[in-house]
C-alpha atoms as a PDB file:
ATOM      1  CA  MET A   1      25.346   4.526  -8.880  1.00  0.00           C
ATOM      2  CA  GLY A   2      22.034   5.915  -8.916  1.00  0.00           C
ATOM      3  CA  SER A   3      20.049   8.490  -7.286  1.00  0.00           C
ATOM      4  CA  ASN A   4      17.155   7.134  -4.886  1.00  0.00           C
ATOM      5  CA  TRP A   5      14.453   7.841  -6.743  1.00  0.00           C
ATOM      6  CA  ASP A   6      16.029   5.914  -9.911  1.00  0.00           C
ATOM      7  CA  LYS A   7      16.546   2.850  -7.351  1.00  0.00           C
ATOM      8  CA  ARG A   8      13.093   3.129  -6.574  1.00  0.00           C
ATOM      9  CA  LYS A   9      11.828   3.622 -10.144  1.00  0.00           C
ATOM     10  CA  ALA A  10      13.942   0.284 -10.950  1.00  0.00           C
ATOM     11  CA  VAL A  11      12.920  -1.784  -8.004  1.00  0.00           C
ATOM     12  CA  GLN A  12       9.070  -0.525  -9.031  1.00  0.00           C
ATOM     13  CA  ARG A  13       9.730  -2.189 -12.222  1.00  0.00           C
ATOM     14  CA  MET A  14      10.851  -5.135 -11.017  1.00  0.00           C
ATOM     15  CA  GLN A  15       7.897  -5.712  -8.769  1.00  0.00           C
ATOM     16  CA  GLU A  16       5.861  -4.656 -12.068  1.00  0.00           C
ATOM     17  CA  TYR A  17       7.799  -7.609 -13.759  1.00  0.00           C
ATOM     18  CA  ILE A  18       6.870 -10.310 -10.625  1.00  0.00           C
ATOM     19  CA  GLU A  19       3.226  -8.986 -10.684  1.00  0.00           C
ATOM     20  CA  ASP A  20       2.890  -9.832 -14.569  1.00  0.00           C
ATOM     21  CA  HIS A  21       4.913 -13.150 -13.626  1.00  0.00           C
ATOM     22  CA  LEU A  22       3.200 -14.437 -10.952  1.00  0.00           C
ATOM     23  CA  GLN A  23       2.195 -17.544 -12.475  1.00  0.00           C
ATOM     24  CA  THR A  24       5.277 -18.239 -14.464  1.00  0.00           C
ATOM     25  CA  PRO A  25       9.097 -19.006 -13.706  1.00  0.00           C
ATOM     26  CA  ILE A  26      11.450 -15.803 -12.856  1.00  0.00           C
ATOM     27  CA  THR A  27      15.174 -15.359 -12.908  1.00  0.00           C
ATOM     28  CA  MET A  28      17.081 -12.964 -11.765  1.00  0.00           C
ATOM     29  CA  ARG A  29      18.130 -12.013 -14.864  1.00  0.00           C
ATOM     30  CA  ASP A  30      14.439 -11.397 -15.662  1.00  0.00           C
ATOM     31  CA  LEU A  31      14.210  -8.707 -13.185  1.00  0.00           C
ATOM     32  CA  SER A  32      17.707  -7.098 -14.355  1.00  0.00           C
ATOM     33  CA  GLN A  33      16.563  -6.758 -17.070  1.00  0.00           C
ATOM     34  CA  ALA A  34      13.550  -5.126 -15.849  1.00  0.00           C
ATOM     35  CA  ALA A  35      15.154  -2.948 -13.311  1.00  0.00           C
ATOM     36  CA  ARG A  36      17.620  -1.912 -16.686  1.00  0.00           C
ATOM     37  CA  TYR A  37      20.988  -2.732 -13.948  1.00  0.00           C
ATOM     38  CA  SER A  38      23.369  -5.926 -13.242  1.00  0.00           C
ATOM     39  CA  MET A  39      22.023  -9.041 -11.704  1.00  0.00           C
ATOM     40  CA  TYR A  40      23.820  -8.073  -8.812  1.00  0.00           C
ATOM     41  CA  TYR A  41      23.055  -4.232  -8.426  1.00  0.00           C
ATOM     42  CA  ALA A  42      19.548  -5.204  -9.436  1.00  0.00           C
ATOM     43  CA  ALA A  43      19.320  -7.745  -6.711  1.00  0.00           C
ATOM     44  CA  ARG A  44      21.189  -5.244  -3.993  1.00  0.00           C
ATOM     45  CA  ILE A  45      18.651  -2.319  -4.669  1.00  0.00           C
ATOM     46  CA  PHE A  46      15.804  -4.628  -4.299  1.00  0.00           C
ATOM     47  CA  LYS A  47      16.779  -5.841  -0.688  1.00  0.00           C
ATOM     48  CA  GLU A  48      17.865  -2.260   0.181  1.00  0.00           C
ATOM     49  CA  ILE A  49      14.589  -0.545  -0.647  1.00  0.00           C
ATOM     50  CA  THR A  50      12.074  -3.373   0.110  1.00  0.00           C
ATOM     51  CA  GLY A  51      13.941  -5.059   2.874  1.00  0.00           C
ATOM     52  CA  ARG A  52      13.158  -8.287   1.218  1.00  0.00           C
ATOM     53  CA  SER A  53      15.562 -10.334  -1.121  1.00  0.00           C
ATOM     54  CA  PRO A  54      14.130 -10.596  -4.717  1.00  0.00           C
ATOM     55  CA  TYR A  55      13.101 -14.561  -4.190  1.00  0.00           C
ATOM     56  CA  GLU A  56      12.047 -14.096  -0.808  1.00  0.00           C
ATOM     57  CA  TYR A  57       9.776 -11.145  -2.194  1.00  0.00           C
ATOM     58  CA  ILE A  58       8.350 -13.691  -4.899  1.00  0.00           C
ATOM     59  CA  ARG A  59       7.886 -16.269  -2.907  1.00  0.00           C
ATOM     60  CA  LEU A  60       5.276 -14.388  -0.088  1.00  0.00           C
ATOM     61  CA  ARG A  61       3.768 -12.964  -3.201  1.00  0.00           C
ATOM     62  CA  ARG A  62       2.459 -15.844  -5.169  1.00  0.00           C
ATOM     63  CA  LEU A  63       1.605 -17.363  -1.412  1.00  0.00           C
ATOM     64  CA  SER A  64      -0.417 -14.521  -0.834  1.00  0.00           C
ATOM     65  CA  ALA A  65      -1.704 -14.591  -4.646  1.00  0.00           C
ATOM     66  CA  ALA A  66      -2.589 -18.368  -3.858  1.00  0.00           C
ATOM     67  CA  ALA A  67      -4.327 -17.674  -0.783  1.00  0.00           C
ATOM     68  CA  LEU A  68      -6.551 -15.060  -2.492  1.00  0.00           C
ATOM     69  CA  GLN A  69      -7.401 -17.526  -5.241  1.00  0.00           C
ATOM     70  CA  LEU A  70      -8.334 -20.664  -2.973  1.00  0.00           C
ATOM     71  CA  SER A  71     -10.241 -17.953  -0.552  1.00  0.00           C
ATOM     72  CA  ASN A  72     -13.210 -18.457  -3.098  1.00  0.00           C
ATOM     73  CA  GLY A  73     -13.815 -21.654  -2.847  1.00  0.00           C
ATOM     74  CA  LYS A  74     -13.313 -22.851  -6.281  1.00  0.00           C
ATOM     75  CA  ALA A  75     -10.042 -24.027  -7.205  1.00  0.00           C
ATOM     76  CA  HIS A  76      -8.077 -27.297  -6.458  1.00  0.00           C
ATOM     77  CA  ILE A  77      -4.968 -26.450  -4.263  1.00  0.00           C
ATOM     78  CA  ILE A  78      -2.896 -29.063  -6.645  1.00  0.00           C
ATOM     79  CA  ASP A  79      -4.386 -26.716  -8.897  1.00  0.00           C
ATOM     80  CA  VAL A  80      -3.436 -23.882  -7.577  1.00  0.00           C
ATOM     81  CA  ALA A  81       0.220 -25.120  -6.309  1.00  0.00           C
ATOM     82  CA  PHE A  82       1.119 -25.385  -9.771  1.00  0.00           C
ATOM     83  CA  ASP A  83      -0.452 -22.308 -11.002  1.00  0.00           C
ATOM     84  CA  PHE A  84       1.937 -20.535  -8.607  1.00  0.00           C
ATOM     85  CA  VAL A  85       5.071 -22.576  -9.493  1.00  0.00           C
ATOM     86  CA  PHE A  86       5.525 -24.833  -6.652  1.00  0.00           C
ATOM     87  CA  ASP A  87       6.872 -28.478  -7.512  1.00  0.00           C
ATOM     88  CA  SER A  88       4.323 -30.299  -5.427  1.00  0.00           C
ATOM     89  CA  HIS A  89       0.995 -30.470  -3.468  1.00  0.00           C
ATOM     90  CA  GLU A  90       3.084 -31.242  -0.662  1.00  0.00           C
ATOM     91  CA  GLY A  91       5.706 -28.714  -0.846  1.00  0.00           C
ATOM     92  CA  PHE A  92       3.166 -25.496  -1.322  1.00  0.00           C
ATOM     93  CA  THR A  93       0.962 -27.000   1.513  1.00  0.00           C
ATOM     94  CA  ARG A  94       4.089 -26.871   3.865  1.00  0.00           C
ATOM     95  CA  ALA A  95       5.256 -23.492   2.439  1.00  0.00           C
ATOM     96  CA  PHE A  96       1.533 -21.872   2.981  1.00  0.00           C
ATOM     97  CA  THR A  97       0.862 -23.754   6.316  1.00  0.00           C
ATOM     98  CA  ARG A  98       4.491 -22.041   7.737  1.00  0.00           C
ATOM     99  CA  GLN A  99       3.902 -18.705   6.145  1.00  0.00           C
ATOM    100  CA  PHE A 100       0.149 -18.444   7.577  1.00  0.00           C
ATOM    101  CA  GLY A 101      -0.151 -20.857  10.227  1.00  0.00           C
ATOM    102  CA  VAL A 102      -2.791 -22.330   8.337  1.00  0.00           C
ATOM    103  CA  ALA A 103      -3.395 -24.915   5.979  1.00  0.00           C
ATOM    104  CA  PRO A 104      -4.744 -24.041   2.775  1.00  0.00           C
ATOM    105  CA  SER A 105      -7.801 -26.449   2.674  1.00  0.00           C
ATOM    106  CA  ARG A 106      -8.663 -24.297   5.648  1.00  0.00           C
ATOM    107  CA  ILE A 107      -9.418 -21.047   3.770  1.00  0.00           C
ATOM    108  CA  ARG A 108     -12.514 -21.933   1.831  1.00  0.00           C
ATOM    109  CA  ASN A 109     -15.403 -19.643   1.950  1.00  0.00           C
ATOM    110  CA  VAL A 110     -14.646 -17.992   5.559  1.00  0.00           C
ATOM    111  CA  THR A 111     -13.232 -14.610   6.091  1.00  0.00           C
ATOM    112  CA  TRP A 112      -9.836 -15.215   7.172  1.00  0.00           C
ATOM    113  CA  SER A 113      -7.659 -13.277   9.639  1.00  0.00           C
ATOM    114  CA  GLY A 114      -4.068 -14.514   7.862  1.00  0.00           C
ATOM    115  CA  SER A 115      -1.817 -11.392   6.794  1.00  0.00           C
ATOM    116  CA  LEU A 116      -1.057 -11.276   3.267  1.00  0.00           C
ATOM    117  CA  PHE A 117       1.706 -10.013   1.596  1.00  0.00           C
ATOM    118  CA  GLN A 118       0.506  -7.400  -0.800  1.00  0.00           C
ATOM    119  CA  PRO A 119       2.564  -5.003  -3.770  1.00  0.00           C
ATOM    120  CA  GLY A 120       3.286  -1.983  -2.583  1.00  0.00           C
ATOM    121  CA  LEU A 121       5.658   0.819  -3.849  1.00  0.00           C
ATOM    122  CA  ALA A 122       9.398   0.380  -2.968  1.00  0.00           C
ATOM    123  CA  THR A 123       8.742   3.582  -0.301  1.00  0.00           C
ATOM    124  CA  GLU A 124       9.189   3.344   3.513  1.00  0.00           C
ATOM    125  CA  PHE A 125       5.275   3.782   3.575  1.00  0.00           C
ATOM    126  CA  ASN A 126       4.350   0.272   2.246  1.00  0.00           C
ATOM    127  CA  ARG A 127       7.758  -1.374   4.177  1.00  0.00           C
ATOM    128  CA  ASP A 128       5.844  -0.240   7.379  1.00  0.00           C
ATOM    129  CA  MET A 129       2.911  -1.906   6.639  1.00  0.00           C
ATOM    130  CA  GLN A 130       4.791  -5.034   5.499  1.00  0.00           C
ATOM    131  CA  LYS A 131       7.469  -5.244   8.207  1.00  0.00           C
ATOM    132  CA  GLY A 132       6.658  -4.406  11.385  1.00  0.00           C
ATOM    133  CA  ASN A 133       4.985  -1.274  12.429  1.00  0.00           C
ATOM    134  CA  ILE A 134       1.428  -3.089  11.548  1.00  0.00           C
ATOM    135  CA  MET A 135      -0.512  -3.623  15.182  1.00  0.00           C
ATOM    136  CA  LYS A 136      -3.044  -5.765  13.340  1.00  0.00           C
ATOM    137  CA  SER A 137      -3.801  -7.170  10.119  1.00  0.00           C
ATOM    138  CA  GLY A 138      -6.358  -8.983   8.027  1.00  0.00           C
ATOM    139  CA  MET A 139      -8.616  -9.149   5.416  1.00  0.00           C
ATOM    140  CA  ILE A 140     -12.642  -8.958   4.767  1.00  0.00           C
ATOM    141  CA  ASP A 141     -14.880  -9.927   1.847  1.00  0.00           C
ATOM    142  CA  GLN A 142     -16.926  -7.385   0.596  1.00  0.00           C
ATOM    143  CA  GLN A 143     -20.409  -8.210   0.571  1.00  0.00           C
ATOM    144  CA  THR A 144     -20.404  -9.426  -3.103  1.00  0.00           C
ATOM    145  CA  LYS A 145     -18.054 -12.349  -2.332  1.00  0.00           C
ATOM    146  CA  LYS A 146     -16.184 -11.030  -5.567  1.00  0.00           C
ATOM    147  CA  SER A 147     -13.068  -9.251  -3.786  1.00  0.00           C
ATOM    148  CA  VAL A 148     -11.078  -9.112  -0.727  1.00  0.00           C
ATOM    149  CA  VAL A 149      -9.998  -5.872   1.217  1.00  0.00           C
ATOM    150  CA  PHE A 150      -6.751  -5.924   3.326  1.00  0.00           C
ATOM    151  CA  VAL A 151      -7.242  -4.121   6.612  1.00  0.00           C
ATOM    152  CA  GLN A 152      -3.989  -2.943   8.440  1.00  0.00           C
ATOM    153  CA  ILE A 153      -3.370  -0.617  11.624  1.00  0.00           C
ATOM    154  CA  LEU A 154      -0.721   1.423  10.734  1.00  0.00           C
ATOM    155  CA  GLU A 155       1.164   3.666  13.939  1.00  0.00           C
ATOM    156  CA  ARG A 156       2.843   7.068  12.756  1.00  0.00           C
ATOM    157  CA  PRO A 157       4.830   9.075  14.859  1.00  0.00           C
ATOM    158  CA  SER A 158       5.058  12.637  15.167  1.00  0.00           C
ATOM    159  CA  ARG A 159       6.492  13.958  11.708  1.00  0.00           C
ATOM    160  CA  LYS A 160       5.813  17.195   9.427  1.00  0.00           C
ATOM    161  CA  LEU A 161       3.364  17.209   6.334  1.00  0.00           C
ATOM    162  CA  LEU A 162       4.871  19.284   3.358  1.00  0.00           C
ATOM    163  CA  PHE A 163       2.151  19.914   0.744  1.00  0.00           C
ATOM    164  CA  LEU A 164       0.742  22.265  -2.085  1.00  0.00           C
ATOM    165  CA  PRO A 165      -2.795  24.029  -0.800  1.00  0.00           C
ATOM    166  CA  GLY A 166      -5.835  24.807  -3.137  1.00  0.00           C
ATOM    167  CA  ARG A 167      -8.315  26.818  -2.347  1.00  0.00           C
ATOM    168  CA  LYS A 168     -11.659  25.428  -1.845  1.00  0.00           C
ATOM    169  CA  ALA A 169     -11.098  21.474  -3.487  1.00  0.00           C
ATOM    170  CA  PRO A 170     -12.725  18.613  -1.727  1.00  0.00           C
ATOM    171  CA  ALA A 171     -11.446  15.941  -3.508  1.00  0.00           C
ATOM    172  CA  TYR A 172      -8.994  15.371  -6.301  1.00  0.00           C
ATOM    173  CA  PHE A 173     -10.305  16.446  -9.328  1.00  0.00           C
ATOM    174  CA  GLN A 174     -11.454  20.242  -7.902  1.00  0.00           C
ATOM    175  CA  TYR A 175      -8.026  19.821  -7.072  1.00  0.00           C
ATOM    176  CA  CYS A 176      -6.215  19.712 -10.007  1.00  0.00           C
ATOM    177  CA  GLU A 177      -8.620  22.445 -11.695  1.00  0.00           C
ATOM    178  CA  GLU A 178      -7.061  25.006  -9.120  1.00  0.00           C
ATOM    179  CA  VAL A 179      -3.555  23.829  -8.770  1.00  0.00           C
ATOM    180  CA  GLY A 180      -3.147  21.658 -11.805  1.00  0.00           C
ATOM    181  CA  CYS A 181      -2.230  18.619 -12.084  1.00  0.00           C
ATOM    182  CA  GLU A 182       1.912  18.629 -12.194  1.00  0.00           C
ATOM    183  CA  VAL A 183       2.311  18.609  -8.120  1.00  0.00           C
ATOM    184  CA  TRP A 184       3.276  15.034  -8.371  1.00  0.00           C
ATOM    185  CA  ASP A 185       6.300  15.868  -9.641  1.00  0.00           C
ATOM    186  CA  THR A 186       7.338  18.081  -7.744  1.00  0.00           C
ATOM    187  CA  LEU A 187       6.605  15.947  -4.220  1.00  0.00           C
ATOM    188  CA  ILE A 188       8.487  13.030  -5.506  1.00  0.00           C
ATOM    189  CA  GLY A 189      11.884  14.995  -5.792  1.00  0.00           C
ATOM    190  CA  ILE A 190      11.606  16.097  -2.111  1.00  0.00           C
ATOM    191  CA  PRO A 191      14.756  14.689  -0.170  1.00  0.00           C
ATOM    192  CA  ASN A 192      14.150  12.426   2.702  1.00  0.00           C
ATOM    193  CA  ALA A 193      10.780  12.159   2.039  1.00  0.00           C
ATOM    194  CA  LEU A 194       9.137   9.380   4.503  1.00  0.00           C
ATOM    195  CA  HIS A 195       7.296   7.840   1.997  1.00  0.00           C
ATOM    196  CA  GLU A 196       5.550   8.343  -1.617  1.00  0.00           C
ATOM    197  CA  PRO A 197       3.618  11.436  -2.486  1.00  0.00           C
ATOM    198  CA  MET A 198      -0.352  11.105  -1.003  1.00  0.00           C
ATOM    199  CA  GLY A 199      -3.618  13.109  -1.882  1.00  0.00           C
ATOM    200  CA  LEU A 200      -5.248  14.245   1.815  1.00  0.00           C
ATOM    201  CA  TRP A 201      -8.199  15.295   3.284  1.00  0.00           C
ATOM    202  CA  LEU A 202      -7.291  17.717   5.968  1.00  0.00           C
ATOM    203  CA  PRO A 203      -9.479  18.153   9.347  1.00  0.00           C
ATOM    204  CA  ASP A 204     -10.199  21.780  10.384  1.00  0.00           C
ATOM    205  CA  ASN A 205      -8.535  21.033  13.669  1.00  0.00           C
ATOM    206  CA  LEU A 206      -5.318  20.971  11.084  1.00  0.00           C
ATOM    207  CA  ARG A 207      -5.656  22.750   8.268  1.00  0.00           C
ATOM    208  CA  PRO A 208      -4.656  26.356   7.860  1.00  0.00           C
ATOM    209  CA  ALA A 209      -6.360  28.957   7.084  1.00  0.00           C
ATOM    210  CA  GLU A 210      -7.321  30.064   3.571  1.00  0.00           C
ATOM    211  CA  CYS A 211      -6.494  26.195   2.304  1.00  0.00           C
ATOM    212  CA  SER A 212      -8.403  23.585   0.849  1.00  0.00           C
ATOM    213  CA  THR A 213      -9.928  20.479   2.396  1.00  0.00           C
ATOM    214  CA  TYR A 214      -8.063  18.378  -0.239  1.00  0.00           C
ATOM    215  CA  VAL A 215      -4.465  18.698  -1.234  1.00  0.00           C
ATOM    216  CA  GLN A 216      -1.577  16.601  -1.872  1.00  0.00           C
ATOM    217  CA  GLY A 217       1.787  16.198  -0.316  1.00  0.00           C
ATOM    218  CA  VAL A 218       4.503  14.066   1.098  1.00  0.00           C
ATOM    219  CA  GLU A 219       5.516  13.668   5.074  1.00  0.00           C
ATOM    220  CA  VAL A 220       9.121  14.359   6.181  1.00  0.00           C
ATOM    221  CA  GLY A 221      10.479  14.166   9.382  1.00  0.00           C
ATOM    222  CA  LEU A 222      10.555  16.548  12.256  1.00  0.00           C
ATOM    223  CA  ASP A 223      14.090  17.472  11.621  1.00  0.00           C
ATOM    224  CA  TYR A 224      13.650  18.316   7.844  1.00  0.00           C
ATOM    225  CA  THR A 225      15.409  21.053   6.582  1.00  0.00           C
ATOM    226  CA  GLY A 226      15.195  20.199   3.029  1.00  0.00           C
ATOM    227  CA  PRO A 227      13.711  22.809   0.474  1.00  0.00           C
ATOM    228  CA  ILE A 228      10.163  24.080   0.443  1.00  0.00           C
ATOM    229  CA  PRO A 229       9.014  24.909  -3.084  1.00  0.00           C
ATOM    230  CA  GLU A 230       7.205  28.139  -3.953  1.00  0.00           C
ATOM    231  CA  GLY A 231       3.497  28.006  -2.695  1.00  0.00           C
ATOM    232  CA  PHE A 232       3.788  25.289  -0.820  1.00  0.00           C
ATOM    233  CA  ARG A 233       2.910  24.937   3.459  1.00  0.00           C
ATOM    234  CA  MET A 234       4.391  22.561   6.358  1.00  0.00           C
ATOM    235  CA  ILE A 235       2.312  21.694   9.553  1.00  0.00           C
ATOM    236  CA  GLU A 236       3.392  19.262  12.307  1.00  0.00           C
ATOM    237  CA  LEU A 237       1.205  15.997  12.775  1.00  0.00           C
ATOM    238  CA  PRO A 238       0.936  14.862  15.687  1.00  0.00           C
ATOM    239  CA  PRO A 239       1.342  10.457  16.447  1.00  0.00           C
ATOM    240  CA  CYS A 240      -1.588   8.564  15.504  1.00  0.00           C
ATOM    241  CA  LYS A 241      -3.006   5.255  14.290  1.00  0.00           C
ATOM    242  CA  LEU A 242      -4.389   4.889  10.969  1.00  0.00           C
ATOM    243  CA  LEU A 243      -6.868   1.969   9.340  1.00  0.00           C
ATOM    244  CA  VAL A 244      -5.493   1.288   6.092  1.00  0.00           C
ATOM    245  CA  PHE A 245      -7.531  -0.272   3.638  1.00  0.00           C
ATOM    246  CA  GLN A 246      -6.153  -2.063   0.288  1.00  0.00           C
ATOM    247  CA  GLY A 247      -7.897  -3.718  -2.397  1.00  0.00           C
ATOM    248  CA  GLU A 248      -7.422  -6.283  -4.987  1.00  0.00           C
ATOM    249  CA  PRO A 249      -5.271  -5.547  -7.838  1.00  0.00           C
ATOM    250  CA  PHE A 250      -7.747  -3.528 -10.652  1.00  0.00           C
ATOM    251  CA  GLU A 251      -7.097  -2.853 -14.840  1.00  0.00           C
ATOM    252  CA  ASP A 252      -5.653   0.912 -14.514  1.00  0.00           C
ATOM    253  CA  LYS A 253      -8.507   2.647 -16.573  1.00  0.00           C
ATOM    254  CA  GLU A 254     -10.904   1.403 -13.744  1.00  0.00           C
ATOM    255  CA  PHE A 255      -9.184   3.247 -11.070  1.00  0.00           C
ATOM    256  CA  GLU A 256     -12.710   5.560 -10.570  1.00  0.00           C
ATOM    257  CA  GLN A 257     -14.561   2.272  -9.769  1.00  0.00           C
ATOM    258  CA  ALA A 258     -11.467   0.701  -7.865  1.00  0.00           C
ATOM    259  CA  ILE A 259     -11.978   3.822  -5.555  1.00  0.00           C
ATOM    260  CA  ARG A 260     -15.944   3.884  -5.271  1.00  0.00           C
ATOM    261  CA  SER A 261     -15.874   0.425  -4.195  1.00  0.00           C
ATOM    262  CA  MET A 262     -13.292   1.159  -1.679  1.00  0.00           C
ATOM    263  CA  TRP A 263     -15.401   3.857   0.000  1.00  0.00           C
ATOM    264  CA  ASP A 264     -18.202   1.532   0.134  1.00  0.00           C
ATOM    265  CA  VAL A 265     -16.350  -0.709   1.791  1.00  0.00           C
ATOM    266  CA  MET A 266     -14.932   1.887   4.099  1.00  0.00           C
ATOM    267  CA  ASN A 267     -18.705   3.421   4.961  1.00  0.00           C
ATOM    268  CA  LEU A 268     -19.915   0.160   6.053  1.00  0.00           C
ATOM    269  CA  TYR A 269     -16.542  -0.959   8.389  1.00  0.00           C
ATOM    270  CA  LYS A 270     -16.931  -0.859  11.892  1.00  0.00           C
ATOM    271  CA  PRO A 271     -13.961  -0.330  13.546  1.00  0.00           C
ATOM    272  CA  GLU A 272     -15.082  -1.136  17.132  1.00  0.00           C
ATOM    273  CA  ILE A 273     -15.303  -4.809  16.102  1.00  0.00           C
ATOM    274  CA  ILE A 274     -11.298  -4.787  16.615  1.00  0.00           C
ATOM    275  CA  GLY A 275     -11.060  -2.227  19.561  1.00  0.00           C
ATOM    276  CA  TYR A 276     -10.775   1.418  17.874  1.00  0.00           C
ATOM    277  CA  GLU A 277     -12.995   4.098  16.958  1.00  0.00           C
ATOM    278  CA  TRP A 278     -12.452   6.635  14.102  1.00  0.00           C
ATOM    279  CA  ALA A 279     -10.342   9.810  15.014  1.00  0.00           C
ATOM    280  CA  ASP A 280     -10.948  12.118  12.305  1.00  0.00           C
ATOM    281  CA  ASN A 281      -9.285  15.147  13.624  1.00  0.00           C
ATOM    282  CA  ASP A 282      -6.175  12.782  15.077  1.00  0.00           C
ATOM    283  CA  ALA A 283      -4.533  12.850  11.332  1.00  0.00           C
ATOM    284  CA  PRO A 284      -5.654  13.690   7.826  1.00  0.00           C
ATOM    285  CA  ARG A 285      -7.732  10.638   5.831  1.00  0.00           C
ATOM    286  CA  PHE A 286      -5.255   9.885   2.674  1.00  0.00           C
ATOM    287  CA  GLN A 287      -5.331   8.335  -0.862  1.00  0.00           C
ATOM    288  CA  LEU A 288      -1.964   6.611  -2.146  1.00  0.00           C
ATOM    289  CA  ASN A 289      -1.495   6.865  -5.744  1.00  0.00           C
ATOM    290  CA  PRO A 290      -3.932   4.404  -7.324  1.00  0.00           C
ATOM    291  CA  MET A 291      -2.213   1.877  -9.258  1.00  0.00           C
ATOM    292  CA  GLY A 292      -3.791  -1.022 -10.566  1.00  0.00           C
ATOM    293  CA  TYR A 293      -1.369  -3.876  -9.844  1.00  0.00           C
ATOM    294  CA  ARG A 294      -0.970  -3.079  -6.143  1.00  0.00           C
ATOM    295  CA  GLY A 295      -4.935  -2.054  -5.566  1.00  0.00           C
ATOM    296  CA  TYR A 296      -6.017   1.259  -4.226  1.00  0.00           C
ATOM    297  CA  ILE A 297      -5.038   2.142  -0.596  1.00  0.00           C
ATOM    298  CA  GLU A 298      -6.400   4.444   1.560  1.00  0.00           C
ATOM    299  CA  GLY A 299      -6.307   5.010   5.106  1.00  0.00           C
ATOM    300  CA  ARG A 300      -8.652   6.941   8.160  1.00  0.00           C
ATOM    301  CA  PRO A 301      -6.980   7.769  11.847  1.00  0.00           C
ATOM    302  CA  VAL A 302      -8.655   5.705  14.714  1.00  0.00           C
ATOM    303  CA  ARG A 303      -8.196   5.656  18.100  1.00  0.00           C
ATOM    304  CA  GLN A 304      -8.334   3.199  20.518  1.00  0.00           C
ATOM    305  CA  ILE A 305     -11.508   2.586  22.835  1.00  0.00           C
ATOM    306  CA  ASN A 306     -10.518   2.634  26.548  1.00  0.00           C
ATOM    307  CA  ARG A 307     -12.753  -0.254  27.866  1.00  0.00           C
END
């Protein structure tokens, strides 16, 4: 029942509904209506795609959103507990402490090193970020103290990149001028893709001749034998580690500002503080489709420093 893409879109609709209703009660009937499937099937595909039941996912998102709200030091714990549909101060404190290993009163006005559960598209890439291929995680305050950026190290195995090259494009808008803006429609139909489509900046050592620096593509397994659309190319990527930055949710119309703000943070970030250095020749730098409800996500390759 339903293709894999149909399932992912249904789960994305449920995730978006959850984000819009974190501070109000959510029932399985609500989610099934958002998914446009029966309650049983909606719950089943949600667990299949995200690796978590709908109610576990909701609990983690509410706790993480509460942590963000508390981190600015202005809200009262009891108010935050009720805002995110917890029945009592005590119940919220127990759940918060069990999840993050720190009481809610201790994260005010500090840079906190806990790992928050962020919304993401229902893809293998985001499941990696949320479930286990993360080596380190945490969050850093931007200088303005008005928003939070999550930083995670993700390890990727050898794989292949299937992409459509441009001619000279250094970034997204020039790429669209060269090849059009419909590449995404082709990429989402690639069977057995490891995760969602990406925009990528190819380093010189991995970039084929007569290919733009910026491309759009998907990663597939080394054993991929599926179709290669006309004009597309495929290259093999070596194992690598990526420092992945994820910003706070934003209004969709503000996506350019969200990207610029993230670049400001990335330009100032020093990976040496966590024992790594930039390794731009090890893999492409990537950006995910900027969707306001999950925050802007971009990754840059790093390599561990040998002490």
